[in-house]
Amino acid sequence: MTTPYRIIEIREEMDSPEDLGTKVKSWYTWQEQKWLFKKSRSLTGEHWSEKVAEQLCVRLNIPHATYEIARFQGDIGVTSPSIITDRTEWRMVLGNQLLMSSDNTYPDNTNPGNDQRRFVRVREHTVTRVMGILETCKSDILPSLQGNFPDFMDAKGVFVGYLMLDALISNQDRHH
């Protein structure tokens, strides 16, 4: 059986681990760009499900990150270029940081000493709260991902679109 997608063999050294999330991930540099390698857990299909979701976004013209199936030191996973191409002008602000800044009762899971398991389901992480943050953080700047945003689309519309995509593909891993 042949696969229609190539498997990238990563030969570069990993620069730094990615601490966010529960999966093993590391950053590396390839062709002067930062890339993330996300290792799949055995027998889960995490690598191909990421690629299927990406290809669905391509066909639906939904803005998305680019994924390639990859192997690093015998481990299968996916690799993706950073969406932050100019680190002198841009930085990533996590959703939970914005939610914490607007509500001092919002759980702080940014502290590595915290027990991460208790943050799997956060009752305070609601659509209403996220929409409130997106309303207060209005910006004409939208991420430079693959796909197109309609002219009328704002950050709240993008968020709702991703919720609809999550329902379509049964994604249960929407981060704050």
Protein backbone atom coordinates (compact mmCIF):
# COMPACT_ATOMS: atom_id res chain seq x y z
CA MET A 1 0.00 0.00 0.00
CA THR A 2 1.34 3.42 -0.88
CA THR A 3 0.66 6.67 0.91
CA PRO A 4 -0.34 9.72 -1.13
CA TYR A 5 1.59 11.98 1.23
CA ARG A 6 5.32 12.05 1.60
CA ILE A 7 6.96 11.40 4.94
CA ILE A 8 9.55 14.05 5.79
CA GLU A 9 12.71 12.65 7.38
CA ILE A 10 13.89 15.26 9.89
CA ARG A 11 17.67 15.25 10.11
CA GLU A 12 18.11 18.55 11.95
CA GLU A 13 18.83 18.67 15.67
CA MET A 14 15.98 19.79 17.90
CA ASP A 15 16.55 23.32 19.24
CA SER A 16 14.14 23.35 22.15
CA PRO A 17 11.19 21.42 23.57
CA GLU A 18 7.68 22.88 23.39
CA ASP A 19 6.25 22.82 26.90
CA LEU A 20 2.64 23.60 26.02
CA GLY A 21 0.23 20.70 25.74
CA THR A 22 0.48 17.07 26.73
CA LYS A 23 2.19 15.66 23.64
CA VAL A 24 5.95 15.46 23.07
CA LYS A 25 6.91 18.37 20.79
CA SER A 26 10.16 20.08 19.87
CA TRP A 27 11.24 23.03 17.75
CA TYR A 28 13.98 22.83 15.14
CA THR A 29 15.31 25.10 12.42
CA TRP A 30 15.13 24.17 8.76
CA GLN A 31 15.99 26.57 5.93
CA GLU A 32 16.20 29.46 8.40
CA GLN A 33 12.64 28.89 9.63
CA LYS A 34 11.35 27.47 12.91
CA TRP A 35 9.44 24.18 12.60
CA LEU A 36 7.63 22.13 15.23
CA PHE A 37 7.78 18.34 15.34
CA LYS A 38 4.88 16.75 17.22
CA LYS A 39 5.43 13.08 18.03
CA SER A 40 2.42 10.77 17.67
CA ARG A 41 1.57 8.42 20.48
CA SER A 42 1.73 4.79 19.43
CA LEU A 43 -1.30 3.37 17.59
CA THR A 44 -3.33 6.60 17.84
CA GLY A 45 -3.19 7.87 14.26
CA GLU A 46 -2.49 11.37 15.56
CA HIS A 47 -0.13 12.09 12.67
CA TRP A 48 -2.52 11.19 9.87
CA SER A 49 -5.51 12.79 11.61
CA GLU A 50 -3.62 16.12 11.70
CA LYS A 51 -2.94 15.77 7.96
CA VAL A 52 -6.58 14.85 7.23
CA ALA A 53 -7.79 17.92 9.16
CA GLU A 54 -5.32 20.11 7.25
CA GLN A 55 -6.46 18.72 3.90
CA LEU A 56 -10.12 19.26 4.84
CA CYS A 57 -9.25 22.91 5.58
CA VAL A 58 -7.60 23.14 2.16
CA ARG A 59 -10.75 21.90 0.45
CA LEU A 60 -13.05 24.14 2.53
CA ASN A 61 -10.68 27.13 2.12
CA ILE A 62 -10.42 27.54 5.88
CA PRO A 63 -7.28 29.28 7.19
CA HIS A 64 -5.02 26.64 8.71
CA ALA A 65 -1.53 25.65 9.69
CA THR A 66 0.39 23.46 7.26
CA TYR A 67 1.24 19.92 8.37
CA GLU A 68 3.51 17.28 6.88
CA ILE A 69 3.78 13.73 8.13
CA ALA A 70 7.30 13.36 9.47
CA ARG A 71 9.72 11.05 11.18
CA PHE A 72 12.43 12.02 13.66
CA GLN A 73 14.86 9.43 15.00
CA GLY A 74 12.39 6.66 14.14
CA ASP A 75 9.39 8.38 15.76
CA ILE A 76 6.42 9.19 13.50
CA GLY A 77 4.56 12.46 13.88
CA VAL A 78 3.84 15.70 12.08
CA THR A 79 5.90 18.78 11.40
CA SER A 80 4.62 22.28 10.87
CA PRO A 81 6.31 25.62 10.17
CA SER A 82 5.79 28.31 12.78
CA ILE A 83 3.07 30.79 11.82
CA ILE A 84 5.21 33.51 13.40
CA THR A 85 7.63 34.29 10.60
CA ASP A 86 9.09 37.54 11.98
CA ARG A 87 9.88 37.12 15.67
CA THR A 88 11.11 40.72 15.91
CA GLU A 89 7.61 42.05 15.13
CA TRP A 90 5.30 39.31 16.37
CA ARG A 91 4.83 37.15 19.42
CA MET A 92 2.23 34.62 20.35
CA VAL A 93 -0.20 35.46 23.15
CA LEU A 94 -2.03 32.42 24.43
CA GLY A 95 -5.77 32.47 24.83
CA ASN A 96 -5.60 31.46 28.47
CA GLN A 97 -3.32 34.45 29.15
CA LEU A 98 -5.95 36.76 27.67
CA LEU A 99 -8.72 35.04 29.62
CA MET A 100 -6.71 35.33 32.86
CA SER A 101 -6.05 39.02 32.22
CA SER A 102 -9.78 39.71 32.01
CA ASP A 103 -10.84 37.49 34.94
CA ASN A 104 -8.66 36.98 38.01
CA THR A 105 -10.58 33.79 38.89
CA TYR A 106 -9.58 32.10 35.64
CA PRO A 107 -7.28 29.12 36.39
CA ASP A 108 -3.56 29.74 35.80
CA ASN A 109 -2.15 26.78 33.89
CA THR A 110 0.91 28.69 32.67
CA ASN A 111 2.91 27.79 35.77
CA PRO A 112 4.88 24.58 35.05
CA GLY A 113 4.59 23.63 38.74
CA ASN A 114 0.82 23.33 38.48
CA ASP A 115 -0.85 19.94 38.11
CA GLN A 116 -1.66 20.01 34.37
CA ARG A 117 -4.32 17.29 34.64
CA ARG A 118 -6.75 19.59 36.40
CA PHE A 119 -6.73 21.93 33.39
CA VAL A 120 -7.96 19.40 30.86
CA ARG A 121 -11.50 20.71 31.28
CA VAL A 122 -11.79 24.28 32.54
CA ARG A 123 -15.38 25.30 33.27
CA GLU A 124 -14.43 28.95 32.92
CA HIS A 125 -13.35 28.38 29.29
CA THR A 126 -16.65 29.21 27.58
CA VAL A 127 -17.68 30.51 24.18
CA THR A 128 -19.14 33.62 25.84
CA ARG A 129 -15.84 34.46 27.56
CA VAL A 130 -13.81 33.86 24.42
CA MET A 131 -16.19 36.04 22.38
CA GLY A 132 -15.82 38.77 25.01
CA ILE A 133 -12.03 38.66 24.72
CA LEU A 134 -12.20 38.72 20.93
CA GLU A 135 -14.53 41.74 21.10
CA THR A 136 -12.14 43.68 23.34
CA CYS A 137 -9.07 42.68 21.29
CA LYS A 138 -10.46 43.88 17.98
CA SER A 139 -7.82 44.04 15.30
CA ASP A 140 -7.72 44.25 11.55
CA ILE A 141 -4.75 41.90 11.61
CA LEU A 142 -5.59 38.27 10.88
CA PRO A 143 -3.11 35.40 11.00
CA SER A 144 -1.08 34.60 7.90
CA LEU A 145 -2.21 31.01 7.49
CA GLN A 146 -3.00 28.99 4.40
CA GLY A 147 -6.53 29.76 3.14
CA ASN A 148 -8.55 32.93 2.82
CA PHE A 149 -10.62 35.01 5.15
CA PRO A 150 -13.74 36.57 3.62
CA ASP A 151 -13.64 40.38 3.64
CA PHE A 152 -16.36 40.54 6.31
CA MET A 153 -14.61 38.07 8.65
CA ASP A 154 -13.41 39.24 12.04
CA ALA A 155 -11.73 37.35 14.89
CA LYS A 156 -15.08 36.19 16.31
CA GLY A 157 -16.08 34.81 12.91
CA VAL A 158 -12.79 32.94 12.61
CA PHE A 159 -13.30 31.45 16.09
CA VAL A 160 -16.84 30.29 15.27
CA GLY A 161 -15.55 28.80 12.02
CA TYR A 162 -13.00 26.76 13.96
CA LEU A 163 -15.71 25.57 16.38
CA MET A 164 -17.71 24.39 13.36
CA LEU A 165 -14.62 22.64 11.98
CA ASP A 166 -14.08 21.00 15.39
CA ALA A 167 -17.65 19.67 15.32
CA LEU A 168 -17.18 18.38 11.75
CA ILE A 169 -13.99 16.44 12.56
CA SER A 170 -14.88 15.60 16.20
CA ASN A 171 -11.86 17.55 17.48
CA GLN A 172 -11.77 17.62 21.26
CA ASP A 173 -8.42 19.38 21.50
CA ARG A 174 -9.32 23.07 21.01
CA HIS A 175 -6.89 24.92 23.23
CA HIS A 176 -7.62 28.10 25.12
